[in-house]
Amino acid sequence: MQVVLIKEDKYTYDIHSLYKAFYPVEDVKVILENDLEKIKDVKNQNDDITITNVDVSVSKNELKKSIYLELSSKTGKSLPWGNLTGIRPTRIVMNLIEEGKSDDEIVNYMKDTYCVSDEKINLSLKIAHREKEILRCIDYKNGYSLYLGIPFCPTTCLYCSFTSYPIGAFSSIVDDYLTCLEKEIDYVAESFKDKTLDTVYIGGGTPTTLEPYQLERLIGYLREKLDFSNVKEFTVESGRPDSITRDKLKVMKKMGVTRISVNPQTMRDETLKLIGRRHTVAQLVDAYNMAREEGFDNINMDIILGLPGEGACDVAYTMEEIKKLAPDDLTVHSLAIKRGSKLAEIMELAKQRNKDNSGSSLYDAKDILDDIKNTEEMMEIALNGAKDMGLEPYYLYRQKNISGNFENTGYARKGKAGIYNILINEEVQSIVALGAGTVTKRVYGYDGRIERCDNVKDVKLYMEQIDEMIDRKRKLFL
């Protein structure tokens, strides 16, 4: 265990994140040095413990750089994103561009302040410039984007922490759930009637768990109540092939959906089974081809690097199979161990060294991490595969506990980039979010300030408290 002692309760998140990046298997505790009882408890519970005192009297950037350099020297490791924690790298670069900084000045700043590698600095620069070009037609001041969450899935994937419920057990309440969404849409129609709607994104969960008539009902209500005349992108995340049918595709196409996702995550059947996706690669290919046949010319695919048991050869195989399909947009994720996911639960059980019925230990936490390790080679394979398909990087973001301390990157053909993806990650426009477990963000353009309000995650509680959910948004946008 790594224990960090600090005099003041400052920068705790950043300190913890940096130590965790260098010591992903170990527990990390950041404790006030005068909290003697907590220090004593930690010592009593752990034999193998390293205690370090950290001076938090300096600025945050100075602190993070000093910790990074010390841990890098101690462990012999360097991180591709240096000491960046909890920050969207392209947002930093975008701000510097808007301040009039040259590319050379930005490179030097990112190196000197954050110790970022040359490769990641160049990637950030390329994406920031592309984002500025893509977003030039977005109405920041008087515009907004809309997100609708459909919190139902065929099954829950091993790595997923999003709000989702098994459609089989909840199918009887879906129509009532849509009625609640319609109430939220009514609020938007009235409160944002003088605003410009730029993008619409229906996510989840898996929106295509809805029946064709339910999709038509929801999208039809949206188009009836809201002004779609300026909408630049309308996405439905139909990510699970086992939820896609031709009838659903026909409805979405008829109702004006311009962009969909058909997500493999991997092209290995054995891995799909392991992560709980209960569909085959063949089903994925059939669903994708069906979408093309129905006229969709902007299809996104997601893959995840670092899935259990997969290595560079598996990533190479997945990329070769995806090339045959030639999607318009490819999002390459590095697996992150998210709180609330089944994978995080397994990790916690492993740490506690629980015993199964035979008396043998469950997976060791280190073994699990080794089994899901992402590498620079795997990232390079995905990057080159995207280039081979004519796709260019257009957005990226990072997550806590991300495998290999890498990033998630979206690649797209010219004119096919997911505008909503950029908006949600760069936080430059207000996003009104409807449905259980969603978070609305209000962006104050004049000073970059952001305020949020959330809808409760429990779908039945959301439905019972729908008036309160609407009132939260009404107060946020007063």
Protein backbone atom coordinates (compact mmCIF):
# COMPACT_ATOMS: atom_id res chain seq x y z
CA MET A 1 0.00 0.00 0.00
CA GLN A 2 1.09 3.55 -0.79
CA VAL A 3 0.20 6.12 1.88
CA VAL A 4 0.68 9.83 1.17
CA LEU A 5 0.61 12.25 4.11
CA ILE A 6 -0.36 15.90 3.54
CA LYS A 7 -0.64 18.88 5.90
CA GLU A 8 -3.72 20.41 4.23
CA ASP A 9 -6.72 18.88 2.52
CA LYS A 10 -5.67 20.06 -0.95
CA TYR A 11 -5.17 18.36 -4.33
CA THR A 12 -6.19 14.99 -2.91
CA TYR A 13 -7.71 13.75 -6.17
CA ASP A 14 -4.65 14.69 -8.23
CA ILE A 15 -2.22 13.12 -5.76
CA HIS A 16 -4.23 9.90 -5.59
CA SER A 17 -4.56 9.71 -9.39
CA LEU A 18 -0.83 10.15 -9.98
CA TYR A 19 0.17 7.54 -7.41
CA LYS A 20 -2.44 5.15 -8.77
CA ALA A 21 -1.07 5.62 -12.30
CA PHE A 22 2.35 4.46 -11.13
CA TYR A 23 1.07 1.81 -8.71
CA PRO A 24 -2.13 0.47 -10.37
CA VAL A 25 -2.23 -2.75 -8.33
CA GLU A 26 -1.63 -1.21 -4.91
CA ASP A 27 -4.11 0.56 -2.67
CA VAL A 28 -3.37 4.28 -2.40
CA LYS A 29 -4.43 6.41 0.57
CA VAL A 30 -4.00 10.18 0.89
CA ILE A 31 -4.31 11.13 4.58
CA LEU A 32 -3.91 14.30 6.60
CA GLU A 33 -0.72 13.91 8.64
CA ASN A 34 -2.48 15.00 11.85
CA ASP A 35 -5.12 12.27 11.49
CA LEU A 36 -3.18 9.93 13.76
CA GLU A 37 -6.05 7.50 14.28
CA LYS A 38 -6.49 6.87 10.56
CA ILE A 39 -2.73 6.47 10.08
CA LYS A 40 -2.63 3.97 12.93
CA ASP A 41 -5.53 1.98 11.45
CA VAL A 42 -3.85 1.82 8.05
CA LYS A 43 -0.59 0.62 9.61
CA ASN A 44 -2.38 -2.03 11.64
CA GLN A 45 -4.22 -3.39 8.61
CA ASN A 46 -1.24 -3.53 6.24
CA ASP A 47 2.16 -5.13 6.60
CA ASP A 48 3.55 -3.93 3.27
CA ILE A 49 3.20 -0.17 3.40
CA THR A 50 5.16 2.80 2.02
CA ILE A 51 4.56 6.19 3.63
CA THR A 52 5.49 9.43 1.85
CA ASN A 53 5.11 13.04 2.97
CA VAL A 54 4.06 15.49 0.23
CA ASP A 55 4.24 19.28 0.46
CA VAL A 56 0.96 20.77 -0.83
CA SER A 57 1.92 24.39 -0.13
CA VAL A 58 3.03 24.88 -3.76
CA SER A 59 0.76 25.37 -6.78
CA LYS A 60 -1.11 22.38 -8.17
CA ASN A 61 0.98 22.21 -11.35
CA GLU A 62 4.23 22.43 -9.40
CA LEU A 63 3.06 19.72 -7.03
CA LYS A 64 1.97 17.34 -9.79
CA LYS A 65 5.20 17.82 -11.72
CA SER A 66 7.38 17.17 -8.66
CA ILE A 67 5.38 14.02 -7.76
CA TYR A 68 5.54 12.79 -11.35
CA LEU A 69 9.30 13.26 -11.63
CA GLU A 70 9.91 11.59 -8.26
CA LEU A 71 7.71 8.57 -9.01
CA SER A 72 9.08 8.25 -12.53
CA SER A 73 12.62 8.17 -11.15
CA LYS A 74 11.67 5.71 -8.40
CA THR A 75 9.77 3.28 -10.64
CA GLY A 76 11.67 3.73 -13.88
CA LYS A 77 8.34 4.34 -15.65
CA SER A 78 7.14 7.28 -17.71
CA LEU A 79 3.50 7.97 -18.50
CA PRO A 80 2.41 8.99 -22.02
CA TRP A 81 0.30 11.83 -20.63
CA GLY A 82 2.82 12.85 -17.97
CA ASN A 83 1.21 14.29 -14.86
CA LEU A 84 -2.14 15.16 -16.46
CA THR A 85 -4.97 13.95 -14.21
CA GLY A 86 -8.68 14.55 -14.58
CA ILE A 87 -8.12 16.98 -17.44
CA ARG A 88 -9.14 16.84 -21.09
CA PRO A 89 -5.82 17.36 -22.87
CA THR A 90 -7.37 18.87 -26.00
CA ARG A 91 -9.24 21.43 -23.88
CA ILE A 92 -5.90 22.74 -22.60
CA VAL A 93 -4.51 22.89 -26.12
CA MET A 94 -7.69 24.51 -27.45
CA ASN A 95 -7.50 27.23 -24.80
CA LEU A 96 -3.88 27.93 -25.70
CA ILE A 97 -4.77 28.18 -29.40
CA GLU A 98 -7.56 30.62 -28.54
CA GLU A 99 -5.04 32.68 -26.55
CA GLY A 100 -3.02 33.03 -29.75
CA LYS A 101 -0.18 30.66 -28.83
CA SER A 102 1.78 29.10 -31.69
CA ASP A 103 2.09 25.33 -32.04
CA ASP A 104 5.73 25.52 -30.90
CA GLU A 105 4.74 27.48 -27.80
CA ILE A 106 2.05 24.93 -27.02
CA VAL A 107 4.49 22.03 -27.41
CA ASN A 108 6.92 23.65 -24.98
CA TYR A 109 4.14 24.42 -22.48
CA MET A 110 2.79 20.87 -22.49
CA LYS A 111 6.29 19.45 -22.02
CA ASP A 112 7.41 21.87 -19.33
CA THR A 113 4.17 21.93 -17.33
CA TYR A 114 2.81 18.41 -17.71
CA CYS A 115 5.74 16.26 -18.96
CA VAL A 116 3.56 14.96 -21.83
CA SER A 117 5.27 12.83 -24.49
CA ASP A 118 5.92 14.27 -27.95
CA GLU A 119 3.52 11.77 -29.51
CA LYS A 120 0.61 12.76 -27.26
CA ILE A 121 1.30 16.49 -27.65
CA ASN A 122 1.20 16.14 -31.43
CA LEU A 123 -2.01 14.12 -31.21
CA SER A 124 -3.61 16.78 -28.98
CA LEU A 125 -2.58 19.56 -31.36
CA LYS A 126 -3.90 17.76 -34.42
CA ILE A 127 -7.23 17.05 -32.74
CA ALA A 128 -7.62 20.56 -31.27
CA HIS A 129 -7.17 22.15 -34.69
CA ARG A 130 -9.63 19.68 -36.21
CA GLU A 131 -12.16 20.29 -33.44
CA LYS A 132 -12.04 24.05 -34.00
CA GLU A 133 -12.77 23.50 -37.68
CA ILE A 134 -15.65 21.07 -37.00
CA LEU A 135 -17.25 23.31 -34.35
CA ARG A 136 -17.02 26.57 -36.28
CA CYS A 137 -20.73 26.38 -37.18
CA ILE A 138 -21.94 25.61 -33.64
CA ASP A 139 -23.99 28.27 -31.85
CA TYR A 140 -22.29 28.31 -28.42
CA LYS A 141 -24.08 31.36 -27.05
CA ASN A 142 -27.65 30.67 -28.13
CA GLY A 143 -27.48 26.96 -28.92
CA TYR A 144 -27.78 23.69 -27.05
CA SER A 145 -27.55 19.96 -27.62
CA LEU A 146 -29.96 17.29 -26.42
CA TYR A 147 -29.23 13.88 -24.91
CA LEU A 148 -31.87 11.23 -24.21
CA GLY A 149 -30.95 8.17 -22.15
CA ILE A 150 -32.59 4.79 -22.74
CA PRO A 151 -31.45 2.81 -19.67
CA PHE A 152 -32.15 -0.70 -20.97
CA CYS A 153 -29.80 -3.33 -22.39
CA PRO A 154 -30.00 -6.96 -23.58
CA THR A 155 -27.31 -7.77 -20.96
CA THR A 156 -24.80 -5.79 -18.90
CA CYS A 157 -21.22 -5.87 -20.16
CA LEU A 158 -18.38 -6.69 -17.76
CA TYR A 159 -16.78 -3.24 -18.00
CA CYS A 160 -19.95 -1.08 -18.10
CA SER A 161 -20.91 1.39 -15.36
CA PHE A 162 -23.65 3.25 -17.23
CA THR A 163 -27.23 3.20 -16.01
CA SER A 164 -28.80 0.10 -17.57
CA TYR A 165 -31.45 -2.46 -16.73
CA PRO A 166 -32.15 -5.82 -18.43
CA ILE A 167 -34.82 -5.21 -21.04
CA GLY A 168 -36.33 -8.65 -20.45
CA ALA A 169 -37.25 -7.80 -16.86
CA PHE A 170 -38.25 -4.18 -17.53
CA SER A 171 -40.08 -4.42 -20.86
CA SER A 172 -43.47 -3.87 -19.19
CA ILE A 173 -42.54 -0.34 -18.04
CA VAL A 174 -40.83 0.94 -21.20
CA ASP A 175 -43.95 2.68 -22.53
CA ASP A 176 -44.43 4.44 -19.20
CA TYR A 177 -40.77 5.42 -19.26
CA LEU A 178 -41.28 7.01 -22.69
CA THR A 179 -44.21 8.97 -21.27
CA CYS A 180 -41.83 10.45 -18.69
CA LEU A 181 -39.32 11.30 -21.42
CA GLU A 182 -42.12 13.06 -23.29
CA LYS A 183 -42.80 15.20 -20.21
CA GLU A 184 -39.14 16.22 -20.18
CA ILE A 185 -39.30 16.94 -23.92
CA ASP A 186 -42.30 19.22 -23.25
CA TYR A 187 -40.17 21.15 -20.75
CA VAL A 188 -37.39 21.54 -23.35
CA ALA A 189 -39.83 22.62 -26.05
CA GLU A 190 -41.13 25.43 -23.86
CA SER A 191 -37.92 26.54 -22.11
CA PHE A 192 -35.61 26.37 -25.16
CA LYS A 193 -38.01 27.54 -27.88
CA ASP A 194 -35.82 30.55 -28.60
CA LYS A 195 -32.59 28.50 -28.66
CA THR A 196 -30.87 26.68 -31.53
CA LEU A 197 -30.83 22.89 -31.29
CA ASP A 198 -27.48 21.79 -32.79
CA THR A 199 -27.23 18.05 -32.11
CA VAL A 200 -29.43 15.26 -30.76
CA TYR A 201 -28.01 12.06 -29.26
CA ILE A 202 -30.06 9.09 -28.04
CA GLY A 203 -27.80 6.88 -25.93
CA GLY A 204 -28.05 4.47 -23.05
CA GLY A 205 -28.02 1.68 -22.24
CA THR A 206 -29.03 0.52 -25.69
CA PRO A 207 -31.69 2.63 -27.42
CA THR A 208 -32.43 -0.14 -29.93
CA THR A 209 -33.80 -2.31 -27.15
CA LEU A 210 -36.93 -0.26 -27.87
CA GLU A 211 -39.44 -1.89 -30.21
CA PRO A 212 -39.92 -0.28 -33.65
CA TYR A 213 -43.19 1.37 -32.60
CA GLN A 214 -41.50 2.75 -29.46
CA LEU A 215 -38.63 4.21 -31.49
CA GLU A 216 -41.12 5.80 -33.85
CA ARG A 217 -43.14 7.14 -30.93
CA LEU A 218 -40.09 8.71 -29.22
CA ILE A 219 -38.45 10.18 -32.31
CA GLY A 220 -41.80 11.33 -33.68
CA TYR A 221 -42.54 13.18 -30.43
CA LEU A 222 -39.11 14.81 -30.51
CA ARG A 223 -39.59 16.06 -34.06
CA GLU A 224 -43.12 17.26 -33.35
CA LYS A 225 -42.16 19.27 -30.27
CA LEU A 226 -38.68 20.59 -31.15
CA ASP A 227 -37.33 22.63 -34.05
CA PHE A 228 -34.98 20.34 -36.00
CA SER A 229 -34.30 22.84 -38.79
CA ASN A 230 -30.77 23.59 -37.53
CA VAL A 231 -29.86 20.10 -36.26
CA LYS A 232 -26.50 19.15 -37.72
CA GLU A 233 -26.36 15.59 -36.38
CA PHE A 234 -28.94 13.13 -35.04
CA THR A 235 -27.37 10.03 -33.50
CA VAL A 236 -28.97 6.87 -32.16
CA GLU A 237 -26.48 4.63 -30.38
CA SER A 238 -27.64 1.24 -31.64
CA GLY A 239 -24.47 -0.34 -30.30
CA ARG A 240 -25.57 -3.90 -29.54
CA PRO A 241 -25.97 -6.00 -32.70
CA ASP A 242 -28.34 -8.32 -30.83
CA SER A 243 -30.77 -5.40 -30.50
CA ILE A 244 -30.76 -4.32 -34.17
CA THR A 245 -33.47 -5.40 -36.61
CA ARG A 246 -34.30 -4.25 -40.11
CA ASP A 247 -37.61 -2.81 -38.91
CA LYS A 248 -35.83 -0.67 -36.33
CA LEU A 249 -33.33 0.54 -38.92
CA LYS A 250 -36.17 1.44 -41.28
CA VAL A 251 -37.89 3.46 -38.54
CA MET A 252 -34.72 5.35 -37.66
CA LYS A 253 -33.96 6.11 -41.30
CA LYS A 254 -37.54 7.26 -41.95
CA MET A 255 -37.45 9.49 -38.85
CA GLY A 256 -34.32 11.32 -39.95
CA VAL A 257 -31.56 9.71 -37.86
CA THR A 258 -28.26 10.59 -39.56
CA ARG A 259 -25.72 8.66 -37.52
CA ILE A 260 -25.75 5.30 -35.71
CA SER A 261 -23.32 3.04 -33.87
CA VAL A 262 -22.88 -0.68 -34.48
CA ASN A 263 -20.28 -1.66 -31.90
CA PRO A 264 -18.15 -4.81 -31.92
CA GLN A 265 -15.71 -3.94 -29.05
CA THR A 266 -13.70 -6.92 -30.38
CA MET A 267 -13.98 -9.28 -33.34
CA ARG A 268 -13.17 -12.34 -31.20
CA ASP A 269 -16.22 -14.44 -30.30
CA GLU A 270 -14.56 -15.89 -27.22
CA THR A 271 -13.91 -12.40 -25.80
CA LEU A 272 -17.45 -11.26 -26.55
CA LYS A 273 -18.75 -14.17 -24.53
CA LEU A 274 -16.35 -13.43 -21.67
CA ILE A 275 -17.40 -9.77 -21.38
CA GLY A 276 -21.11 -10.62 -21.41
CA ARG A 277 -22.14 -9.32 -24.84
CA ARG A 278 -24.11 -12.43 -25.91
CA HIS A 279 -23.83 -11.80 -29.62
CA THR A 280 -21.41 -13.16 -32.18
CA VAL A 281 -19.12 -11.47 -34.66
CA ALA A 282 -21.34 -12.86 -37.42
CA GLN A 283 -24.34 -11.06 -35.91
CA LEU A 284 -22.31 -7.85 -35.81
CA VAL A 285 -21.40 -8.14 -39.49
CA ASP A 286 -25.01 -8.89 -40.44
CA ALA A 287 -26.31 -5.89 -38.46
CA TYR A 288 -23.71 -3.59 -40.00
CA ASN A 289 -24.46 -4.72 -43.56
CA MET A 290 -28.18 -4.37 -42.90
CA ALA A 291 -27.63 -0.76 -41.79
CA ARG A 292 -25.75 -0.02 -45.01
CA GLU A 293 -28.54 -1.63 -47.02
CA GLU A 294 -31.05 0.65 -45.30
CA GLY A 295 -29.09 3.71 -46.40
CA PHE A 296 -27.05 4.73 -43.35
CA ASP A 297 -23.92 6.48 -44.57
CA ASN A 298 -22.47 7.48 -41.19
CA ILE A 299 -21.86 4.42 -39.03
CA ASN A 300 -19.64 4.46 -35.97
CA MET A 301 -17.94 1.40 -34.49
CA ASP A 302 -16.34 1.14 -31.02
CA ILE A 303 -13.52 -1.15 -30.02
CA ILE A 304 -11.84 -1.61 -26.63
CA LEU A 305 -8.14 -2.29 -26.17
CA GLY A 306 -7.06 -4.24 -23.09
CA LEU A 307 -10.06 -6.57 -22.87
CA PRO A 308 -9.39 -9.67 -20.72
CA GLY A 309 -6.99 -12.06 -22.39
CA GLU A 310 -6.46 -9.97 -25.52
CA GLY A 311 -3.06 -8.88 -26.78
CA ALA A 312 -1.54 -7.19 -29.80
CA CYS A 313 -2.37 -10.06 -32.17
CA ASP A 314 -6.04 -9.86 -31.17
CA VAL A 315 -6.14 -6.11 -31.78
CA ALA A 316 -4.49 -6.62 -35.17
CA TYR A 317 -7.08 -9.26 -36.06
CA THR A 318 -9.96 -7.01 -34.95
CA MET A 319 -8.63 -4.11 -37.03
CA GLU A 320 -8.26 -6.29 -40.14
CA GLU A 321 -11.86 -7.50 -39.79
CA ILE A 322 -13.15 -3.95 -39.26
CA LYS A 323 -11.30 -2.77 -42.37
CA LYS A 324 -13.47 -5.15 -44.40
CA LEU A 325 -16.55 -3.28 -43.17
CA ALA A 326 -15.06 0.24 -43.57
CA PRO A 327 -16.98 2.24 -40.94
CA ASP A 328 -17.15 6.02 -41.23
CA ASP A 329 -16.14 6.58 -37.61
CA LEU A 330 -14.10 4.40 -35.25
CA THR A 331 -13.74 5.04 -31.53
CA VAL A 332 -10.77 3.30 -29.92
CA HIS A 333 -11.21 2.90 -26.16
CA SER A 334 -8.63 1.86 -23.60
CA LEU A 335 -10.35 -0.33 -21.04
CA ALA A 336 -11.05 1.53 -17.80
CA ILE A 337 -11.99 -0.16 -14.53
CA LYS A 338 -15.05 1.89 -13.64
CA ARG A 339 -16.63 2.06 -10.23
CA GLY A 340 -19.96 0.26 -10.35
CA SER A 341 -18.95 -2.16 -13.11
CA LYS A 342 -18.82 -5.94 -12.71
CA LEU A 343 -15.10 -5.76 -13.45
CA ALA A 344 -14.57 -3.41 -10.51
CA GLU A 345 -16.50 -5.82 -8.28
CA ILE A 346 -14.25 -8.69 -9.36
CA MET A 347 -11.19 -6.55 -8.61
CA GLU A 348 -12.51 -5.77 -5.14
CA LEU A 349 -13.20 -9.44 -4.44
CA ALA A 350 -9.70 -10.27 -5.57
CA LYS A 351 -8.22 -7.69 -3.24
CA GLN A 352 -10.14 -9.13 -0.33
CA ARG A 353 -8.76 -12.59 -1.20
CA ASN A 354 -12.15 -14.23 -0.84
CA LYS A 355 -12.27 -18.00 -1.20
CA ASP A 356 -14.45 -20.02 -3.51
CA ASN A 357 -16.12 -23.29 -2.55
CA SER A 358 -13.03 -25.37 -3.27
CA GLY A 359 -10.94 -23.21 -0.94
CA SER A 360 -8.74 -21.77 -3.67
CA SER A 361 -8.26 -18.02 -4.07
CA LEU A 362 -10.27 -16.01 -6.55
CA TYR A 363 -8.34 -14.13 -9.23
CA ASP A 364 -5.45 -12.14 -7.83
CA ALA A 365 -5.84 -8.40 -8.52
CA LYS A 366 -2.41 -8.24 -10.16
CA ASP A 367 -3.23 -11.21 -12.40
CA ILE A 368 -6.44 -9.51 -13.52
CA LEU A 369 -4.63 -6.26 -14.33
CA ASP A 370 -1.97 -8.18 -16.24
CA ASP A 371 -4.76 -9.90 -18.17
CA ILE A 372 -6.31 -6.58 -19.28
CA LYS A 373 -3.14 -4.62 -19.93
CA ASN A 374 -3.11 -2.19 -22.86
CA THR A 375 0.22 -1.40 -24.54
CA GLU A 376 1.79 1.17 -26.82
CA GLU A 377 1.97 -1.53 -29.51
CA MET A 378 -1.79 -2.11 -29.34
CA MET A 379 -2.49 1.63 -29.55
CA GLU A 380 -0.18 1.85 -32.57
CA ILE A 381 -1.97 -1.03 -34.31
CA ALA A 382 -5.32 0.70 -33.84
CA LEU A 383 -3.94 4.06 -34.99
CA ASN A 384 -2.42 2.58 -38.16
CA GLY A 385 -5.57 0.61 -38.84
CA ALA A 386 -7.65 3.78 -38.65
CA LYS A 387 -5.22 5.55 -41.02
CA ASP A 388 -5.46 2.66 -43.48
CA MET A 389 -9.23 3.21 -43.60
CA GLY A 390 -8.80 6.94 -44.26
CA LEU A 391 -9.92 7.93 -40.76
CA GLU A 392 -8.35 10.88 -38.94
CA PRO A 393 -8.41 11.56 -35.16
CA TYR A 394 -10.99 14.19 -34.21
CA TYR A 395 -11.57 13.91 -30.45
CA LEU A 396 -10.07 12.25 -27.39
CA TYR A 397 -10.71 11.99 -23.70
CA ARG A 398 -9.19 10.19 -20.75
CA GLN A 399 -10.70 8.35 -17.80
CA LYS A 400 -9.73 7.42 -14.29
CA ASN A 401 -8.09 3.97 -13.97
CA ILE A 402 -7.64 3.73 -17.74
CA SER A 403 -5.52 0.82 -18.93
CA GLY A 404 -1.92 1.81 -19.69
CA ASN A 405 -2.61 5.45 -18.79
CA PHE A 406 -3.60 6.02 -22.43
CA GLU A 407 -6.73 7.63 -23.89
CA ASN A 408 -9.89 7.07 -25.88
CA THR A 409 -9.72 8.47 -29.41
CA GLY A 410 -12.32 8.95 -32.12
CA TYR A 411 -11.29 8.65 -35.76
CA ALA A 412 -13.54 9.64 -38.68
CA ARG A 413 -13.70 10.31 -42.38
CA LYS A 414 -13.94 13.93 -43.47
CA GLY A 415 -17.44 15.19 -42.81
CA LYS A 416 -18.37 12.21 -40.63
CA ALA A 417 -16.97 13.25 -37.24
CA GLY A 418 -19.37 12.92 -34.30
CA ILE A 419 -20.09 16.54 -33.37
CA TYR A 420 -21.86 15.62 -30.12
CA ASN A 421 -18.80 13.64 -29.01
CA ILE A 422 -16.69 16.78 -29.23
CA LEU A 423 -19.28 18.96 -27.49
CA ILE A 424 -19.76 16.61 -24.54
CA ASN A 425 -16.02 16.22 -23.99
CA GLU A 426 -14.86 19.79 -24.53
CA GLU A 427 -17.78 21.24 -22.53
CA VAL A 428 -18.22 24.29 -24.74
CA GLN A 429 -22.01 24.10 -25.13
CA SER A 430 -24.91 23.43 -22.77
CA ILE A 431 -26.30 19.91 -23.02
CA VAL A 432 -29.81 19.16 -21.78
CA ALA A 433 -30.04 15.51 -20.71
CA LEU A 434 -33.29 13.60 -20.33
CA GLY A 435 -33.93 10.18 -18.80
CA ALA A 436 -32.79 8.13 -15.81
CA GLY A 437 -29.16 8.57 -14.78
CA THR A 438 -28.41 11.48 -17.11
CA VAL A 439 -26.56 14.70 -16.24
CA THR A 440 -27.45 18.10 -17.67
CA LYS A 441 -24.63 20.63 -18.08
CA ARG A 442 -25.11 24.37 -18.34
CA VAL A 443 -22.10 26.11 -19.86
CA TYR A 444 -21.82 29.82 -19.15
CA GLY A 445 -20.08 31.04 -22.29
CA TYR A 446 -18.84 34.32 -20.87
CA ASP A 447 -16.58 32.76 -18.24
CA GLY A 448 -16.45 29.03 -19.03
CA ARG A 449 -18.25 28.20 -15.77
CA ILE A 450 -20.20 24.94 -15.78
CA GLU A 451 -23.06 23.90 -13.51
CA ARG A 452 -24.76 20.51 -13.49
CA CYS A 453 -27.91 18.79 -12.34
CA ASP A 454 -28.63 15.10 -12.50
CA ASN A 455 -31.60 12.78 -12.88
CA VAL A 456 -31.78 9.88 -10.43
CA LYS A 457 -30.34 6.60 -11.72
CA ASP A 458 -33.05 4.25 -10.55
CA VAL A 459 -35.50 4.04 -13.46
CA LYS A 460 -38.59 3.52 -11.30
CA LEU A 461 -37.61 6.35 -8.95
CA TYR A 462 -36.99 8.57 -12.00
CA MET A 463 -40.52 7.85 -13.20
CA GLU A 464 -42.03 8.51 -9.78
CA GLN A 465 -40.12 11.78 -9.41
CA ILE A 466 -40.35 13.04 -12.99
CA ASP A 467 -41.75 16.43 -11.95
CA GLU A 468 -38.77 16.95 -9.64
CA MET A 469 -36.34 15.95 -12.42
CA ILE A 470 -37.86 18.63 -14.64
CA ASP A 471 -37.80 21.18 -11.83
CA ARG A 472 -34.08 20.59 -11.31
CA LYS A 473 -33.42 21.60 -14.91
CA ARG A 474 -35.79 24.54 -14.69
CA LYS A 475 -33.84 25.90 -11.70
CA LEU A 476 -30.50 25.29 -13.43
CA PHE A 477 -31.47 27.37 -16.44
CA LEU A 478 -33.17 30.24 -14.61
